[in-house]
Amino acid sequence: MAAIPFEMLDSERRFLLMRVAGVAVELLMKGELKQAGKDAFLFVAEPGDHENRPAPLQLLSSKSTSGELSSYEQAWRKVHTAREDLEVAMRHDLQTAIQMRQILLGANPTPEKIEQIDCLFREQGYLLPENVI
């Protein structure tokens, strides 16, 4: 049987596959489905208490059985580091914060979307232009 790209499937099959994938991930996270593969631990639910939750890098390094990281783990570390760097920059560099705000607002920002993003920026301590504050 030849594989059909997901995007080429009809909408009903795409929806069904997304539901199946969602159920599988949910079962993995609940521990009701046996995990297999060296990256399966990534589907284990993190503790609900943010104070006791290990940082993603700690979680990765504590679960790594061999000294070698998988390409997925290496990519995750790069993404995690980039996200942390961006958050720091958004708290200290107005131009970075303005650029990220514009990206999040998109081409057609609604008043509700603007307020939601500005509220998020205030909560996270990201800089905002003077005319927004």
N, C-alpha and C. Protein backbone atom coordinates (compact mmCIF):
# COMPACT_ATOMS: atom_id res chain seq x y z
N MET A 1 0.85 -1.17 0.00
CA MET A 1 0.00 0.00 0.00
C MET A 1 0.90 1.24 0.00
N ALA A 2 0.65 2.14 -0.91
CA ALA A 2 1.45 3.37 -1.00
C ALA A 2 0.97 4.36 0.05
N ALA A 3 1.91 5.06 0.65
CA ALA A 3 1.57 6.06 1.65
C ALA A 3 1.03 7.31 0.97
N ILE A 4 -0.01 7.88 1.56
CA ILE A 4 -0.60 9.11 1.04
C ILE A 4 -0.24 10.22 2.02
N PRO A 5 0.33 11.32 1.54
CA PRO A 5 0.65 12.43 2.45
C PRO A 5 -0.61 12.89 3.19
N PHE A 6 -0.42 13.23 4.44
CA PHE A 6 -1.53 13.67 5.29
C PHE A 6 -2.34 14.77 4.62
N GLU A 7 -1.65 15.73 4.01
CA GLU A 7 -2.32 16.87 3.41
C GLU A 7 -3.20 16.48 2.23
N MET A 8 -2.96 15.33 1.64
CA MET A 8 -3.73 14.87 0.48
C MET A 8 -4.97 14.08 0.88
N LEU A 9 -5.09 13.73 2.14
CA LEU A 9 -6.25 12.99 2.61
C LEU A 9 -7.47 13.90 2.66
N ASP A 10 -8.66 13.28 2.58
CA ASP A 10 -9.87 14.08 2.71
C ASP A 10 -10.01 14.53 4.17
N SER A 11 -10.82 15.54 4.38
CA SER A 11 -10.91 16.16 5.71
C SER A 11 -11.38 15.19 6.78
N GLU A 12 -12.25 14.25 6.45
CA GLU A 12 -12.71 13.28 7.45
C GLU A 12 -11.58 12.40 7.94
N ARG A 13 -10.74 11.92 7.01
CA ARG A 13 -9.61 11.07 7.41
C ARG A 13 -8.58 11.86 8.20
N ARG A 14 -8.31 13.11 7.80
CA ARG A 14 -7.36 13.94 8.55
C ARG A 14 -7.87 14.13 9.97
N PHE A 15 -9.15 14.44 10.11
CA PHE A 15 -9.74 14.63 11.43
C PHE A 15 -9.62 13.36 12.26
N LEU A 16 -9.94 12.22 11.64
CA LEU A 16 -9.85 10.94 12.35
C LEU A 16 -8.42 10.65 12.80
N LEU A 17 -7.45 10.87 11.92
CA LEU A 17 -6.05 10.64 12.29
C LEU A 17 -5.61 11.57 13.41
N MET A 18 -6.04 12.82 13.38
CA MET A 18 -5.69 13.76 14.45
C MET A 18 -6.31 13.31 15.77
N ARG A 19 -7.54 12.83 15.73
CA ARG A 19 -8.19 12.34 16.95
C ARG A 19 -7.44 11.13 17.51
N VAL A 20 -7.07 10.20 16.62
CA VAL A 20 -6.34 9.00 17.05
C VAL A 20 -5.00 9.40 17.67
N ALA A 21 -4.29 10.30 17.02
CA ALA A 21 -3.02 10.76 17.56
C ALA A 21 -3.21 11.43 18.92
N GLY A 22 -4.25 12.24 19.04
CA GLY A 22 -4.54 12.90 20.31
C GLY A 22 -4.83 11.91 21.42
N VAL A 23 -5.62 10.90 21.12
CA VAL A 23 -5.95 9.87 22.11
C VAL A 23 -4.68 9.11 22.50
N ALA A 24 -3.84 8.78 21.51
CA ALA A 24 -2.61 8.06 21.80
C ALA A 24 -1.70 8.87 22.72
N VAL A 25 -1.53 10.15 22.43
CA VAL A 25 -0.68 11.00 23.28
C VAL A 25 -1.29 11.10 24.68
N GLU A 26 -2.60 11.26 24.77
CA GLU A 26 -3.26 11.34 26.08
C GLU A 26 -3.03 10.06 26.88
N LEU A 27 -3.17 8.91 26.23
CA LEU A 27 -2.94 7.64 26.92
C LEU A 27 -1.48 7.50 27.34
N LEU A 28 -0.56 7.92 26.50
CA LEU A 28 0.85 7.90 26.87
C LEU A 28 1.10 8.75 28.11
N MET A 29 0.52 9.94 28.12
CA MET A 29 0.75 10.86 29.24
C MET A 29 0.12 10.35 30.52
N LYS A 30 -0.97 9.61 30.43
CA LYS A 30 -1.62 9.06 31.61
C LYS A 30 -0.95 7.77 32.07
N GLY A 31 -0.04 7.24 31.26
CA GLY A 31 0.62 5.99 31.61
C GLY A 31 -0.22 4.77 31.30
N GLU A 32 -1.29 4.94 30.53
CA GLU A 32 -2.17 3.83 30.20
C GLU A 32 -1.77 3.10 28.93
N LEU A 33 -0.77 3.61 28.25
CA LEU A 33 -0.27 2.99 27.02
C LEU A 33 1.23 2.79 27.20
N LYS A 34 1.71 1.58 26.87
CA LYS A 34 3.13 1.28 27.05
C LYS A 34 3.95 2.17 26.12
N GLN A 35 4.95 2.80 26.71
CA GLN A 35 5.82 3.68 25.95
C GLN A 35 6.97 2.87 25.36
N ALA A 36 7.32 3.16 24.13
CA ALA A 36 8.43 2.46 23.49
C ALA A 36 9.32 3.49 22.79
N GLY A 37 10.56 3.16 22.66
CA GLY A 37 11.48 4.06 21.99
C GLY A 37 12.19 4.95 22.98
N LYS A 38 13.37 5.44 22.57
CA LYS A 38 14.16 6.21 23.53
C LYS A 38 13.62 7.61 23.76
N ASP A 39 12.72 8.12 22.92
CA ASP A 39 12.13 9.45 23.13
C ASP A 39 10.75 9.38 23.76
N ALA A 40 10.29 8.18 24.11
CA ALA A 40 8.94 8.02 24.64
C ALA A 40 8.73 8.78 25.95
N PHE A 41 9.79 8.95 26.75
CA PHE A 41 9.65 9.65 28.03
C PHE A 41 9.17 11.09 27.84
N LEU A 42 9.33 11.63 26.63
CA LEU A 42 8.89 13.00 26.38
C LEU A 42 7.38 13.14 26.49
N PHE A 43 6.66 12.02 26.47
CA PHE A 43 5.21 12.06 26.58
C PHE A 43 4.71 11.83 28.00
N VAL A 44 5.63 11.73 28.95
CA VAL A 44 5.23 11.58 30.35
C VAL A 44 4.80 12.94 30.86
N ALA A 45 3.64 12.98 31.51
CA ALA A 45 3.12 14.25 32.03
C ALA A 45 4.07 14.81 33.07
N GLU A 46 4.27 16.12 33.03
CA GLU A 46 5.09 16.79 34.02
C GLU A 46 4.25 17.01 35.27
N PRO A 47 4.89 17.15 36.44
CA PRO A 47 4.15 17.41 37.67
C PRO A 47 3.33 18.70 37.54
N GLY A 48 2.18 18.75 38.18
CA GLY A 48 1.33 19.93 38.12
C GLY A 48 1.88 21.10 38.92
N ASP A 49 2.69 20.82 39.92
CA ASP A 49 3.26 21.87 40.76
C ASP A 49 4.47 22.49 40.07
N HIS A 50 4.34 23.74 39.65
CA HIS A 50 5.41 24.40 38.91
C HIS A 50 6.69 24.53 39.74
N GLU A 51 6.57 24.61 41.05
CA GLU A 51 7.75 24.77 41.90
C GLU A 51 8.61 23.51 41.88
N ASN A 52 7.97 22.35 41.81
CA ASN A 52 8.71 21.09 41.86
C ASN A 52 8.99 20.50 40.48
N ARG A 53 8.55 21.18 39.43
CA ARG A 53 8.71 20.68 38.08
C ARG A 53 10.17 20.86 37.63
N PRO A 54 10.78 19.79 37.12
CA PRO A 54 12.13 19.95 36.61
C PRO A 54 12.12 20.77 35.34
N ALA A 55 13.16 21.53 35.12
CA ALA A 55 13.27 22.27 33.87
C ALA A 55 13.38 21.27 32.74
N PRO A 56 12.92 21.63 31.52
CA PRO A 56 12.98 20.68 30.41
C PRO A 56 14.37 20.10 30.18
N LEU A 57 15.42 20.88 30.36
CA LEU A 57 16.76 20.36 30.15
C LEU A 57 17.12 19.35 31.22
N GLN A 58 16.66 19.60 32.46
CA GLN A 58 16.91 18.63 33.53
C GLN A 58 16.15 17.34 33.24
N LEU A 59 14.93 17.48 32.75
CA LEU A 59 14.11 16.32 32.43
C LEU A 59 14.80 15.49 31.36
N LEU A 60 15.33 16.13 30.34
CA LEU A 60 16.01 15.41 29.26
C LEU A 60 17.25 14.71 29.77
N SER A 61 18.08 15.43 30.52
CA SER A 61 19.34 14.83 30.94
C SER A 61 19.12 13.74 31.98
N SER A 62 18.08 13.86 32.80
CA SER A 62 17.85 12.84 33.81
C SER A 62 17.29 11.56 33.20
N LYS A 63 16.66 11.64 32.03
CA LYS A 63 16.06 10.48 31.41
C LYS A 63 16.98 9.82 30.39
N SER A 64 18.04 10.49 30.02
CA SER A 64 18.93 9.95 29.00
C SER A 64 19.70 8.77 29.58
N THR A 65 19.54 7.61 28.98
CA THR A 65 20.20 6.42 29.50
C THR A 65 21.62 6.30 28.98
N SER A 66 21.82 6.62 27.72
CA SER A 66 23.18 6.60 27.20
C SER A 66 23.70 8.02 27.23
N GLY A 67 25.00 8.19 27.11
CA GLY A 67 25.58 9.52 27.15
C GLY A 67 25.25 10.34 25.92
N GLU A 68 24.67 9.71 24.90
CA GLU A 68 24.41 10.38 23.64
C GLU A 68 22.96 10.84 23.56
N LEU A 69 22.76 12.07 23.13
CA LEU A 69 21.40 12.59 22.98
C LEU A 69 20.88 12.28 21.58
N SER A 70 19.59 11.98 21.50
CA SER A 70 18.99 11.75 20.18
C SER A 70 18.91 13.09 19.45
N SER A 71 18.70 13.03 18.15
CA SER A 71 18.59 14.26 17.37
C SER A 71 17.37 15.06 17.83
N TYR A 72 16.33 14.38 18.26
CA TYR A 72 15.14 15.06 18.77
C TYR A 72 15.49 15.82 20.04
N GLU A 73 16.23 15.19 20.95
CA GLU A 73 16.63 15.85 22.19
C GLU A 73 17.55 17.04 21.91
N GLN A 74 18.47 16.88 20.96
CA GLN A 74 19.36 17.99 20.60
C GLN A 74 18.56 19.16 20.04
N ALA A 75 17.60 18.85 19.18
CA ALA A 75 16.76 19.91 18.60
C ALA A 75 15.94 20.58 19.70
N TRP A 76 15.39 19.79 20.63
CA TRP A 76 14.61 20.36 21.73
C TRP A 76 15.47 21.31 22.56
N ARG A 77 16.69 20.93 22.83
CA ARG A 77 17.58 21.81 23.60
C ARG A 77 17.83 23.12 22.89
N LYS A 78 18.04 23.06 21.58
CA LYS A 78 18.25 24.28 20.81
C LYS A 78 17.02 25.18 20.86
N VAL A 79 15.84 24.59 20.69
CA VAL A 79 14.60 25.36 20.73
C VAL A 79 14.40 25.96 22.12
N HIS A 80 14.64 25.17 23.14
CA HIS A 80 14.47 25.64 24.52
C HIS A 80 15.42 26.81 24.81
N THR A 81 16.66 26.69 24.39
CA THR A 81 17.64 27.75 24.60
C THR A 81 17.24 29.01 23.84
N ALA A 82 16.79 28.85 22.60
CA ALA A 82 16.37 30.00 21.80
C ALA A 82 15.17 30.69 22.43
N ARG A 83 14.23 29.91 22.96
CA ARG A 83 13.06 30.50 23.62
C ARG A 83 13.47 31.27 24.87
N GLU A 84 14.36 30.69 25.65
CA GLU A 84 14.83 31.39 26.85
C GLU A 84 15.55 32.69 26.48
N ASP A 85 16.39 32.64 25.46
CA ASP A 85 17.10 33.83 25.01
C ASP A 85 16.12 34.91 24.54
N LEU A 86 15.09 34.49 23.81
CA LEU A 86 14.09 35.44 23.33
C LEU A 86 13.35 36.08 24.50
N GLU A 87 12.98 35.29 25.50
CA GLU A 87 12.27 35.84 26.65
C GLU A 87 13.12 36.87 27.39
N VAL A 88 14.39 36.58 27.57
CA VAL A 88 15.30 37.53 28.23
C VAL A 88 15.38 38.81 27.40
N ALA A 89 15.55 38.65 26.10
CA ALA A 89 15.65 39.82 25.22
C ALA A 89 14.37 40.65 25.26
N MET A 90 13.22 40.01 25.33
CA MET A 90 11.94 40.74 25.36
C MET A 90 11.76 41.51 26.66
N ARG A 91 12.48 41.13 27.70
CA ARG A 91 12.41 41.86 28.97
C ARG A 91 13.42 43.01 29.02
N HIS A 92 14.42 43.00 28.13
CA HIS A 92 15.49 43.99 28.20
C HIS A 92 15.70 44.81 26.94
N ASP A 93 15.16 44.37 25.82
CA ASP A 93 15.38 45.07 24.56
C ASP A 93 14.03 45.41 23.93
N LEU A 94 13.73 46.70 23.91
CA LEU A 94 12.43 47.16 23.42
C LEU A 94 12.19 46.74 21.97
N GLN A 95 13.19 46.84 21.11
CA GLN A 95 13.01 46.49 19.70
C GLN A 95 12.65 45.02 19.52
N THR A 96 13.28 44.15 20.28
CA THR A 96 12.94 42.72 20.21
C THR A 96 11.51 42.50 20.65
N ALA A 97 11.11 43.15 21.74
CA ALA A 97 9.74 43.01 22.24
C ALA A 97 8.73 43.53 21.22
N ILE A 98 9.03 44.66 20.60
CA ILE A 98 8.12 45.24 19.60
C ILE A 98 7.99 44.29 18.41
N GLN A 99 9.12 43.74 17.95
CA GLN A 99 9.08 42.82 16.81
C GLN A 99 8.27 41.57 17.12
N MET A 100 8.46 41.00 18.30
CA MET A 100 7.71 39.80 18.66
C MET A 100 6.22 40.11 18.82
N ARG A 101 5.92 41.25 19.37
CA ARG A 101 4.51 41.67 19.50
C ARG A 101 3.87 41.77 18.12
N GLN A 102 4.59 42.35 17.16
CA GLN A 102 4.06 42.49 15.80
C GLN A 102 3.85 41.11 15.17
N ILE A 103 4.77 40.19 15.39
CA ILE A 103 4.61 38.83 14.86
C ILE A 103 3.37 38.18 15.45
N LEU A 104 3.19 38.31 16.76
CA LEU A 104 2.03 37.71 17.41
C LEU A 104 0.72 38.35 16.99
N LEU A 105 0.75 39.66 16.75
CA LEU A 105 -0.47 40.35 16.32
C LEU A 105 -0.88 39.94 14.91
N GLY A 106 0.09 39.66 14.06
CA GLY A 106 -0.22 39.23 12.70
C GLY A 106 -0.66 40.38 11.82
N ALA A 107 -1.19 40.04 10.66
CA ALA A 107 -1.54 41.03 9.64
C ALA A 107 -2.83 41.79 9.97
N ASN A 108 -3.77 41.15 10.63
CA ASN A 108 -5.07 41.77 10.91
C ASN A 108 -5.42 41.67 12.39
N PRO A 109 -4.74 42.45 13.23
CA PRO A 109 -5.02 42.35 14.67
C PRO A 109 -6.39 42.94 15.02
N THR A 110 -7.10 42.22 15.84
CA THR A 110 -8.37 42.72 16.36
C THR A 110 -8.10 43.39 17.70
N PRO A 111 -9.00 44.27 18.15
CA PRO A 111 -8.81 44.89 19.47
C PRO A 111 -8.68 43.84 20.58
N GLU A 112 -9.43 42.75 20.47
CA GLU A 112 -9.36 41.70 21.49
C GLU A 112 -7.99 41.03 21.49
N LYS A 113 -7.47 40.76 20.28
CA LYS A 113 -6.16 40.13 20.17
C LYS A 113 -5.07 41.06 20.71
N ILE A 114 -5.16 42.34 20.39
CA ILE A 114 -4.19 43.31 20.89
C ILE A 114 -4.19 43.33 22.41
N GLU A 115 -5.37 43.39 23.00
CA GLU A 115 -5.48 43.43 24.46
C GLU A 115 -4.94 42.14 25.08
N GLN A 116 -5.24 41.00 24.47
CA GLN A 116 -4.78 39.72 24.99
C GLN A 116 -3.25 39.64 24.96
N ILE A 117 -2.64 40.05 23.87
CA ILE A 117 -1.18 39.99 23.75
C ILE A 117 -0.52 41.01 24.68
N ASP A 118 -1.08 42.22 24.75
CA ASP A 118 -0.52 43.23 25.65
C ASP A 118 -0.61 42.78 27.11
N CYS A 119 -1.71 42.14 27.45
CA CYS A 119 -1.88 41.61 28.81
C CYS A 119 -0.83 40.53 29.09
N LEU A 120 -0.61 39.64 28.13
CA LEU A 120 0.41 38.61 28.27
C LEU A 120 1.79 39.24 28.47
N PHE A 121 2.10 40.27 27.68
CA PHE A 121 3.40 40.94 27.80
C PHE A 121 3.56 41.55 29.19
N ARG A 122 2.51 42.18 29.70
CA ARG A 122 2.59 42.77 31.04
C ARG A 122 2.82 41.70 32.10
N GLU A 123 2.04 40.61 32.00
CA GLU A 123 2.16 39.52 32.98
C GLU A 123 3.56 38.91 32.99
N GLN A 124 4.16 38.77 31.80
CA GLN A 124 5.47 38.13 31.69
C GLN A 124 6.62 39.09 31.90
N GLY A 125 6.33 40.38 32.02
CA GLY A 125 7.38 41.37 32.22
C GLY A 125 8.12 41.74 30.95
N TYR A 126 7.48 41.50 29.79
CA TYR A 126 8.10 41.89 28.52
C TYR A 126 7.87 43.38 28.31
N LEU A 127 8.80 44.02 27.63
CA LEU A 127 8.69 45.45 27.37
C LEU A 127 7.58 45.72 26.36
N LEU A 128 6.96 46.87 26.51
CA LEU A 128 5.92 47.31 25.58
C LEU A 128 6.24 48.74 25.15
N PRO A 129 5.87 49.12 23.93
CA PRO A 129 6.07 50.51 23.50
C PRO A 129 5.34 51.45 24.45
N GLU A 130 5.85 52.67 24.59
CA GLU A 130 5.26 53.65 25.51
C GLU A 130 3.79 53.94 25.20
N ASN A 131 3.42 53.96 23.93
CA ASN A 131 2.04 54.26 23.58
C ASN A 131 1.08 53.13 23.94
N VAL A 132 1.60 51.95 24.36
CA VAL A 132 0.76 50.82 24.74
C VAL A 132 0.61 50.75 26.24
N ILE A 133 1.65 51.09 26.96
CA ILE A 133 1.67 50.94 28.41
C ILE A 133 0.56 51.75 29.01
